[in-house]
Amino acid sequence: MMMFKRFLNRQYDELRSVILIPHYYHHGDGSCFVKFGNTQVLCAATIEERVPPFLKNTKSGWITAEYGMLPCSCSDRTDREAAKGRQSGRTLEIQRLIGRSLRSVVDLGILGERQIKIDCDVIQADGGTRTACITGAFVALSLACQKLIKAKRISADPIKDHVVAISCGIVEKTPLLDLEYIEDSNAEIDANFIMSSNGIVEIQACGEKRPFLEDEFECLLNLAKKGKIDLIEKQRIALGIKS
């Protein structure tokens, strides 16, 4: 197998330096600063005592997300979507992914008829912004739920499991974990894995330059499983959960 040489000699199955800082904002009901290498994201959770119209009188809560990239988060300035008057298809796709990833590990009935809105703002992008958002948004969501429990607004913790996300890909015939931008932009195969402690929530995978084989996919899945263990442990530390 040809081995692709990574920046700073990072191993093929090694995460970038990952930092999760809880309670980053003074405001909001839960927040987390996320850093995957040079990718940096602010995640914040806000509790709202209402639900979308389709959930009224259902005794079920809701979790939704908004995603955005700040103008200078990339090498070339990105115009604010508010100035354009509409969100891009990419933005809509990512924020829907964040929302459904979080909902997959939450008992919405325990939340009652209230909504938790997650804001994910990319400060700096160097690959893997959606996976960083999901991993950090879980921490922000957990802190918001802890606030509800402490205030006795809900009777139990609605969060059933952790959820994290990580990118994997094949670059120059080498399977890699946690792609930075230069790797992602040159990947033959590109995949994002959203995973809980106990299983798989969602997989987004495509052959960027060629179809991929089943054994290549299995290799990427095994890399993602390895990364998942490390990311969940970082979430636990950020939330003060003892092993």
C-alpha atoms as a PDB file:
ATOM      1  CA  MET A   1       0.000   0.000   0.000  1.00  0.00           C
ATOM      2  CA  MET A   2       1.317   3.450  -0.910  1.00  0.00           C
ATOM      3  CA  MET A   3       1.437   5.589   2.229  1.00  0.00           C
ATOM      4  CA  PHE A   4       0.389   9.229   1.947  1.00  0.00           C
ATOM      5  CA  LYS A   5       2.586  11.496   4.069  1.00  0.00           C
ATOM      6  CA  ARG A   6       0.442  13.644   6.350  1.00  0.00           C
ATOM      7  CA  PHE A   7       1.156  17.086   7.781  1.00  0.00           C
ATOM      8  CA  LEU A   8       3.314  16.921  10.941  1.00  0.00           C
ATOM      9  CA  ASN A   9       3.752  13.191  10.258  1.00  0.00           C
ATOM     10  CA  ARG A  10       0.290  12.435  11.658  1.00  0.00           C
ATOM     11  CA  GLN A  11      -0.448   8.716  11.459  1.00  0.00           C
ATOM     12  CA  TYR A  12      -3.092   7.443   9.042  1.00  0.00           C
ATOM     13  CA  ASP A  13      -5.364   6.427  11.960  1.00  0.00           C
ATOM     14  CA  GLU A  14      -4.667   9.476  14.146  1.00  0.00           C
ATOM     15  CA  LEU A  15      -7.114  12.287  14.881  1.00  0.00           C
ATOM     16  CA  ARG A  16      -6.030  15.871  14.620  1.00  0.00           C
ATOM     17  CA  SER A  17      -5.615  17.692  17.933  1.00  0.00           C
ATOM     18  CA  VAL A  18      -9.200  17.837  19.226  1.00  0.00           C
ATOM     19  CA  ILE A  19     -10.261  20.362  21.870  1.00  0.00           C
ATOM     20  CA  LEU A  20     -13.757  20.704  23.363  1.00  0.00           C
ATOM     21  CA  ILE A  21     -14.265  23.652  25.730  1.00  0.00           C
ATOM     22  CA  PRO A  22     -17.685  23.652  27.469  1.00  0.00           C
ATOM     23  CA  HIS A  23     -19.477  26.777  28.761  1.00  0.00           C
ATOM     24  CA  TYR A  24     -17.679  28.936  26.196  1.00  0.00           C
ATOM     25  CA  TYR A  25     -20.419  31.576  26.073  1.00  0.00           C
ATOM     26  CA  HIS A  26     -21.699  33.519  29.082  1.00  0.00           C
ATOM     27  CA  HIS A  27     -25.119  33.576  27.419  1.00  0.00           C
ATOM     28  CA  GLY A  28     -27.232  30.716  26.084  1.00  0.00           C
ATOM     29  CA  ASP A  29     -28.243  27.497  27.799  1.00  0.00           C
ATOM     30  CA  GLY A  30     -25.238  25.432  26.760  1.00  0.00           C
ATOM     31  CA  SER A  31     -22.172  26.030  24.616  1.00  0.00           C
ATOM     32  CA  CYS A  32     -18.968  24.434  23.400  1.00  0.00           C
ATOM     33  CA  PHE A  33     -15.935  25.635  21.488  1.00  0.00           C
ATOM     34  CA  VAL A  34     -14.700  22.899  19.151  1.00  0.00           C
ATOM     35  CA  LYS A  35     -11.278  22.609  17.551  1.00  0.00           C
ATOM     36  CA  PHE A  36     -10.298  19.824  15.153  1.00  0.00           C
ATOM     37  CA  GLY A  37      -6.799  20.873  14.085  1.00  0.00           C
ATOM     38  CA  ASN A  38      -7.287  24.218  12.341  1.00  0.00           C
ATOM     39  CA  THR A  39     -11.064  23.807  12.052  1.00  0.00           C
ATOM     40  CA  GLN A  40     -12.768  25.842  14.771  1.00  0.00           C
ATOM     41  CA  VAL A  41     -16.492  26.029  15.537  1.00  0.00           C
ATOM     42  CA  LEU A  42     -18.678  27.645  18.194  1.00  0.00           C
ATOM     43  CA  CYS A  43     -21.739  25.614  19.175  1.00  0.00           C
ATOM     44  CA  ALA A  44     -24.503  27.050  21.349  1.00  0.00           C
ATOM     45  CA  ALA A  45     -27.838  25.663  22.569  1.00  0.00           C
ATOM     46  CA  THR A  46     -30.938  27.731  23.315  1.00  0.00           C
ATOM     47  CA  ILE A  47     -34.044  26.362  25.039  1.00  0.00           C
ATOM     48  CA  GLU A  48     -37.373  27.628  23.706  1.00  0.00           C
ATOM     49  CA  GLU A  49     -40.694  26.937  25.419  1.00  0.00           C
ATOM     50  CA  ARG A  50     -42.437  26.157  22.163  1.00  0.00           C
ATOM     51  CA  VAL A  51     -42.300  23.632  19.348  1.00  0.00           C
ATOM     52  CA  PRO A  52     -42.875  23.831  15.586  1.00  0.00           C
ATOM     53  CA  PRO A  53     -46.571  23.814  14.588  1.00  0.00           C
ATOM     54  CA  PHE A  54     -46.484  20.170  13.480  1.00  0.00           C
ATOM     55  CA  LEU A  55     -45.630  19.119  17.066  1.00  0.00           C
ATOM     56  CA  LYS A  56     -48.234  21.178  18.952  1.00  0.00           C
ATOM     57  CA  ASN A  57     -50.274  19.103  21.419  1.00  0.00           C
ATOM     58  CA  THR A  58     -48.129  16.010  20.821  1.00  0.00           C
ATOM     59  CA  LYS A  59     -46.218  16.167  24.149  1.00  0.00           C
ATOM     60  CA  SER A  60     -43.030  15.820  22.119  1.00  0.00           C
ATOM     61  CA  GLY A  61     -40.055  18.135  21.996  1.00  0.00           C
ATOM     62  CA  TRP A  62     -37.784  19.005  19.094  1.00  0.00           C
ATOM     63  CA  ILE A  63     -34.126  19.666  18.373  1.00  0.00           C
ATOM     64  CA  THR A  64     -33.073  21.696  15.373  1.00  0.00           C
ATOM     65  CA  ALA A  65     -29.847  23.315  14.198  1.00  0.00           C
ATOM     66  CA  GLU A  66     -28.565  26.285  12.258  1.00  0.00           C
ATOM     67  CA  TYR A  67     -25.149  26.292  10.574  1.00  0.00           C
ATOM     68  CA  GLY A  68     -23.109  29.106   9.141  1.00  0.00           C
ATOM     69  CA  MET A  69     -19.582  29.987   8.069  1.00  0.00           C
ATOM     70  CA  LEU A  70     -18.167  33.355   9.051  1.00  0.00           C
ATOM     71  CA  PRO A  71     -16.914  35.469   6.119  1.00  0.00           C
ATOM     72  CA  CYS A  72     -13.191  34.930   6.786  1.00  0.00           C
ATOM     73  CA  SER A  73     -13.430  31.298   7.901  1.00  0.00           C
ATOM     74  CA  CYS A  74     -11.936  30.218   4.534  1.00  0.00           C
ATOM     75  CA  SER A  75      -8.933  31.425   2.540  1.00  0.00           C
ATOM     76  CA  ASP A  76     -11.250  33.447   0.294  1.00  0.00           C
ATOM     77  CA  ARG A  77     -13.888  35.616   1.956  1.00  0.00           C
ATOM     78  CA  THR A  78     -17.340  34.037   1.958  1.00  0.00           C
ATOM     79  CA  ASP A  79     -20.296  36.413   1.681  1.00  0.00           C
ATOM     80  CA  ARG A  80     -22.784  36.202   4.514  1.00  0.00           C
ATOM     81  CA  GLU A  81     -25.829  34.258   3.404  1.00  0.00           C
ATOM     82  CA  ALA A  82     -28.065  36.815   5.125  1.00  0.00           C
ATOM     83  CA  ALA A  83     -26.721  39.395   2.664  1.00  0.00           C
ATOM     84  CA  LYS A  84     -27.637  37.096  -0.227  1.00  0.00           C
ATOM     85  CA  GLY A  85     -31.147  36.658   1.130  1.00  0.00           C
ATOM     86  CA  ARG A  86     -31.077  32.861   1.079  1.00  0.00           C
ATOM     87  CA  GLN A  87     -29.184  29.893   2.423  1.00  0.00           C
ATOM     88  CA  SER A  88     -27.154  27.687   0.138  1.00  0.00           C
ATOM     89  CA  GLY A  89     -28.050  24.058  -0.473  1.00  0.00           C
ATOM     90  CA  ARG A  90     -24.881  23.028   1.385  1.00  0.00           C
ATOM     91  CA  THR A  91     -25.882  25.028   4.468  1.00  0.00           C
ATOM     92  CA  LEU A  92     -29.368  23.540   4.534  1.00  0.00           C
ATOM     93  CA  GLU A  93     -28.001  20.025   4.104  1.00  0.00           C
ATOM     94  CA  ILE A  94     -25.484  20.401   6.945  1.00  0.00           C
ATOM     95  CA  GLN A  95     -27.874  21.940   9.457  1.00  0.00           C
ATOM     96  CA  ARG A  96     -30.444  19.226   8.765  1.00  0.00           C
ATOM     97  CA  LEU A  97     -27.729  16.622   9.292  1.00  0.00           C
ATOM     98  CA  ILE A  98     -26.779  18.170  12.641  1.00  0.00           C
ATOM     99  CA  GLY A  99     -30.394  18.255  13.787  1.00  0.00           C
ATOM    100  CA  ARG A 100     -31.270  14.674  12.910  1.00  0.00           C
ATOM    101  CA  SER A 101     -27.948  13.388  14.304  1.00  0.00           C
ATOM    102  CA  LEU A 102     -28.743  14.917  17.703  1.00  0.00           C
ATOM    103  CA  ARG A 103     -32.380  13.801  17.659  1.00  0.00           C
ATOM    104  CA  SER A 104     -31.252  10.206  17.105  1.00  0.00           C
ATOM    105  CA  VAL A 105     -29.905   9.999  20.681  1.00  0.00           C
ATOM    106  CA  VAL A 106     -32.618  11.995  22.479  1.00  0.00           C
ATOM    107  CA  ASP A 107     -35.959  10.918  23.932  1.00  0.00           C
ATOM    108  CA  LEU A 108     -38.054  13.812  22.631  1.00  0.00           C
ATOM    109  CA  GLY A 109     -40.985  12.830  24.842  1.00  0.00           C
ATOM    110  CA  ILE A 110     -38.996  13.598  27.985  1.00  0.00           C
ATOM    111  CA  LEU A 111     -38.268  17.096  26.663  1.00  0.00           C
ATOM    112  CA  GLY A 112     -41.975  17.881  26.587  1.00  0.00           C
ATOM    113  CA  GLU A 113     -43.287  20.548  24.253  1.00  0.00           C
ATOM    114  CA  ARG A 114     -40.115  22.605  24.085  1.00  0.00           C
ATOM    115  CA  GLN A 115     -37.448  23.054  21.455  1.00  0.00           C
ATOM    116  CA  ILE A 116     -33.682  23.201  21.775  1.00  0.00           C
ATOM    117  CA  LYS A 117     -32.057  25.139  18.972  1.00  0.00           C
ATOM    118  CA  ILE A 118     -28.381  24.572  18.232  1.00  0.00           C
ATOM    119  CA  ASP A 119     -26.322  27.276  16.521  1.00  0.00           C
ATOM    120  CA  CYS A 120     -23.076  26.160  14.882  1.00  0.00           C
ATOM    121  CA  ASP A 121     -20.848  28.963  13.603  1.00  0.00           C
ATOM    122  CA  VAL A 122     -17.633  28.081  11.795  1.00  0.00           C
ATOM    123  CA  ILE A 123     -14.838  30.469  12.789  1.00  0.00           C
ATOM    124  CA  GLN A 124     -12.171  28.741  10.710  1.00  0.00           C
ATOM    125  CA  ALA A 125     -12.535  25.917   8.198  1.00  0.00           C
ATOM    126  CA  ASP A 126      -9.865  23.360   7.378  1.00  0.00           C
ATOM    127  CA  GLY A 127     -11.951  20.305   6.567  1.00  0.00           C
ATOM    128  CA  GLY A 128     -14.530  18.446   8.625  1.00  0.00           C
ATOM    129  CA  THR A 129     -16.710  21.377   9.673  1.00  0.00           C
ATOM    130  CA  ARG A 130     -19.899  19.287   9.766  1.00  0.00           C
ATOM    131  CA  THR A 131     -18.295  16.542  11.830  1.00  0.00           C
ATOM    132  CA  ALA A 132     -16.823  19.072  14.265  1.00  0.00           C
ATOM    133  CA  CYS A 133     -20.250  20.713  14.546  1.00  0.00           C
ATOM    134  CA  ILE A 134     -22.005  17.466  15.457  1.00  0.00           C
ATOM    135  CA  THR A 135     -19.359  16.484  18.003  1.00  0.00           C
ATOM    136  CA  GLY A 136     -19.438  19.894  19.703  1.00  0.00           C
ATOM    137  CA  ALA A 137     -23.202  20.377  19.377  1.00  0.00           C
ATOM    138  CA  PHE A 138     -23.746  17.242  21.448  1.00  0.00           C
ATOM    139  CA  VAL A 139     -21.833  18.852  24.323  1.00  0.00           C
ATOM    140  CA  ALA A 140     -23.841  22.079  24.043  1.00  0.00           C
ATOM    141  CA  LEU A 141     -27.097  20.088  23.923  1.00  0.00           C
ATOM    142  CA  SER A 142     -26.099  18.011  26.956  1.00  0.00           C
ATOM    143  CA  LEU A 143     -25.382  21.148  28.972  1.00  0.00           C
ATOM    144  CA  ALA A 144     -28.779  22.587  28.036  1.00  0.00           C
ATOM    145  CA  CYS A 145     -30.486  19.372  29.148  1.00  0.00           C
ATOM    146  CA  GLN A 146     -28.572  19.444  32.433  1.00  0.00           C
ATOM    147  CA  LYS A 147     -29.903  22.968  32.966  1.00  0.00           C
ATOM    148  CA  LEU A 148     -33.469  21.735  32.431  1.00  0.00           C
ATOM    149  CA  ILE A 149     -32.946  18.899  34.915  1.00  0.00           C
ATOM    150  CA  LYS A 150     -31.407  21.200  37.532  1.00  0.00           C
ATOM    151  CA  ALA A 151     -34.343  23.590  37.213  1.00  0.00           C
ATOM    152  CA  LYS A 152     -36.744  20.594  37.520  1.00  0.00           C
ATOM    153  CA  ARG A 153     -38.346  21.481  34.203  1.00  0.00           C
ATOM    154  CA  ILE A 154     -37.918  17.872  33.078  1.00  0.00           C
ATOM    155  CA  SER A 155     -37.981  14.767  35.234  1.00  0.00           C
ATOM    156  CA  ALA A 156     -35.140  12.794  33.645  1.00  0.00           C
ATOM    157  CA  ASP A 157     -32.218  13.118  31.255  1.00  0.00           C
ATOM    158  CA  PRO A 158     -33.560  12.841  27.681  1.00  0.00           C
ATOM    159  CA  ILE A 159     -30.139  12.004  26.254  1.00  0.00           C
ATOM    160  CA  LYS A 160     -29.836   8.251  25.694  1.00  0.00           C
ATOM    161  CA  ASP A 161     -26.349   8.026  24.199  1.00  0.00           C
ATOM    162  CA  HIS A 162     -23.422  10.032  22.874  1.00  0.00           C
ATOM    163  CA  VAL A 163     -23.199  11.017  19.238  1.00  0.00           C
ATOM    164  CA  VAL A 164     -20.006  12.026  17.434  1.00  0.00           C
ATOM    165  CA  ALA A 165     -18.976  12.450  13.822  1.00  0.00           C
ATOM    166  CA  ILE A 166     -15.711  11.960  11.987  1.00  0.00           C
ATOM    167  CA  SER A 167     -14.493  12.094   8.400  1.00  0.00           C
ATOM    168  CA  CYS A 168     -12.480   9.386   6.678  1.00  0.00           C
ATOM    169  CA  GLY A 169     -11.167   9.056   3.168  1.00  0.00           C
ATOM    170  CA  ILE A 170      -8.680   7.500   0.794  1.00  0.00           C
ATOM    171  CA  VAL A 171      -5.921   9.776  -0.490  1.00  0.00           C
ATOM    172  CA  GLU A 172      -3.242   8.441  -2.827  1.00  0.00           C
ATOM    173  CA  LYS A 173      -4.468   4.904  -2.068  1.00  0.00           C
ATOM    174  CA  THR A 174      -4.063   5.480   1.680  1.00  0.00           C
ATOM    175  CA  PRO A 175      -7.054   5.239   4.065  1.00  0.00           C
ATOM    176  CA  LEU A 176      -7.009   8.228   6.441  1.00  0.00           C
ATOM    177  CA  LEU A 177      -8.905   9.252   9.566  1.00  0.00           C
ATOM    178  CA  ASP A 178     -10.083  12.851  10.141  1.00  0.00           C
ATOM    179  CA  LEU A 179      -9.249  14.643   6.894  1.00  0.00           C
ATOM    180  CA  GLU A 180      -7.984  18.210   6.835  1.00  0.00           C
ATOM    181  CA  TYR A 181      -8.813  20.362   3.809  1.00  0.00           C
ATOM    182  CA  ILE A 182      -5.799  19.520   1.635  1.00  0.00           C
ATOM    183  CA  GLU A 183      -6.550  15.809   2.120  1.00  0.00           C
ATOM    184  CA  ASP A 184     -10.302  16.163   1.649  1.00  0.00           C
ATOM    185  CA  SER A 185      -9.892  18.151  -1.574  1.00  0.00           C
ATOM    186  CA  ASN A 186      -7.635  15.448  -3.045  1.00  0.00           C
ATOM    187  CA  ALA A 187      -9.499  12.399  -1.757  1.00  0.00           C
ATOM    188  CA  GLU A 188     -10.400   9.562  -4.094  1.00  0.00           C
ATOM    189  CA  ILE A 189     -13.010   8.362  -1.578  1.00  0.00           C
ATOM    190  CA  ASP A 190     -14.634  10.675   0.955  1.00  0.00           C
ATOM    191  CA  ALA A 191     -16.909   9.673   3.844  1.00  0.00           C
ATOM    192  CA  ASN A 192     -18.480  11.126   6.978  1.00  0.00           C
ATOM    193  CA  PHE A 193     -19.535   8.767   9.763  1.00  0.00           C
ATOM    194  CA  ILE A 194     -22.041   9.830  12.424  1.00  0.00           C
ATOM    195  CA  MET A 195     -21.962   7.315  15.265  1.00  0.00           C
ATOM    196  CA  SER A 196     -23.326   6.673  18.734  1.00  0.00           C
ATOM    197  CA  SER A 197     -21.666   4.558  21.390  1.00  0.00           C
ATOM    198  CA  ASN A 198     -23.692   1.575  20.273  1.00  0.00           C
ATOM    199  CA  GLY A 199     -24.107   1.972  16.545  1.00  0.00           C
ATOM    200  CA  ILE A 200     -24.219   4.008  13.368  1.00  0.00           C
ATOM    201  CA  VAL A 201     -26.523   7.008  12.955  1.00  0.00           C
ATOM    202  CA  GLU A 202     -25.694   8.004   9.390  1.00  0.00           C
ATOM    203  CA  ILE A 203     -23.007   7.524   6.745  1.00  0.00           C
ATOM    204  CA  GLN A 204     -22.293   9.875   3.872  1.00  0.00           C
ATOM    205  CA  ALA A 205     -19.828   8.313   1.448  1.00  0.00           C
ATOM    206  CA  CYS A 206     -18.970   8.843  -2.186  1.00  0.00           C
ATOM    207  CA  GLY A 207     -16.334   7.976  -4.749  1.00  0.00           C
ATOM    208  CA  GLU A 208     -14.941  11.378  -5.670  1.00  0.00           C
ATOM    209  CA  LYS A 209     -12.634  10.039  -8.382  1.00  0.00           C
ATOM    210  CA  ARG A 210     -13.664   6.395  -8.723  1.00  0.00           C
ATOM    211  CA  PRO A 211     -16.084   3.833  -7.299  1.00  0.00           C
ATOM    212  CA  PHE A 212     -14.914   2.292  -4.056  1.00  0.00           C
ATOM    213  CA  LEU A 213     -14.767  -1.365  -3.088  1.00  0.00           C
ATOM    214  CA  GLU A 214     -16.442  -3.046  -0.136  1.00  0.00           C
ATOM    215  CA  ASP A 215     -13.144  -3.776   1.592  1.00  0.00           C
ATOM    216  CA  GLU A 216     -12.149  -0.103   1.228  1.00  0.00           C
ATOM    217  CA  PHE A 217     -15.411   0.935   2.849  1.00  0.00           C
ATOM    218  CA  GLU A 218     -14.869  -1.561   5.665  1.00  0.00           C
ATOM    219  CA  CYS A 219     -11.401  -0.121   6.242  1.00  0.00           C
ATOM    220  CA  LEU A 220     -12.841   3.409   6.524  1.00  0.00           C
ATOM    221  CA  LEU A 221     -15.563   2.184   8.878  1.00  0.00           C
ATOM    222  CA  ASN A 222     -12.948   0.627  11.160  1.00  0.00           C
ATOM    223  CA  LEU A 223     -11.009   3.891  11.186  1.00  0.00           C
ATOM    224  CA  ALA A 224     -14.192   5.759  12.120  1.00  0.00           C
ATOM    225  CA  LYS A 225     -14.867   3.328  14.978  1.00  0.00           C
ATOM    226  CA  LYS A 226     -11.379   3.991  16.334  1.00  0.00           C
ATOM    227  CA  GLY A 227     -11.886   7.757  16.125  1.00  0.00           C
ATOM    228  CA  LYS A 228     -15.309   7.473  17.749  1.00  0.00           C
ATOM    229  CA  ILE A 229     -13.851   6.028  20.951  1.00  0.00           C
ATOM    230  CA  ASP A 230     -11.465   8.956  21.356  1.00  0.00           C
ATOM    231  CA  LEU A 231     -14.124  11.576  20.565  1.00  0.00           C
ATOM    232  CA  ILE A 232     -16.654  10.170  23.030  1.00  0.00           C
ATOM    233  CA  GLU A 233     -13.997  10.203  25.736  1.00  0.00           C
ATOM    234  CA  LYS A 234     -13.301  13.881  24.983  1.00  0.00           C
ATOM    235  CA  GLN A 235     -17.037  14.604  25.225  1.00  0.00           C
ATOM    236  CA  ARG A 236     -17.181  12.840  28.576  1.00  0.00           C
ATOM    237  CA  ILE A 237     -14.268  14.893  29.892  1.00  0.00           C
ATOM    238  CA  ALA A 238     -15.856  18.136  28.657  1.00  0.00           C
ATOM    239  CA  LEU A 239     -19.102  17.222  30.414  1.00  0.00           C
ATOM    240  CA  GLY A 240     -17.385  16.111  33.622  1.00  0.00           C
ATOM    241  CA  ILE A 241     -18.588  12.522  33.266  1.00  0.00           C
ATOM    242  CA  LYS A 242     -16.387  10.062  35.115  1.00  0.00           C
ATOM    243  CA  SER A 243     -15.432   6.840  33.339  1.00  0.00           C
END
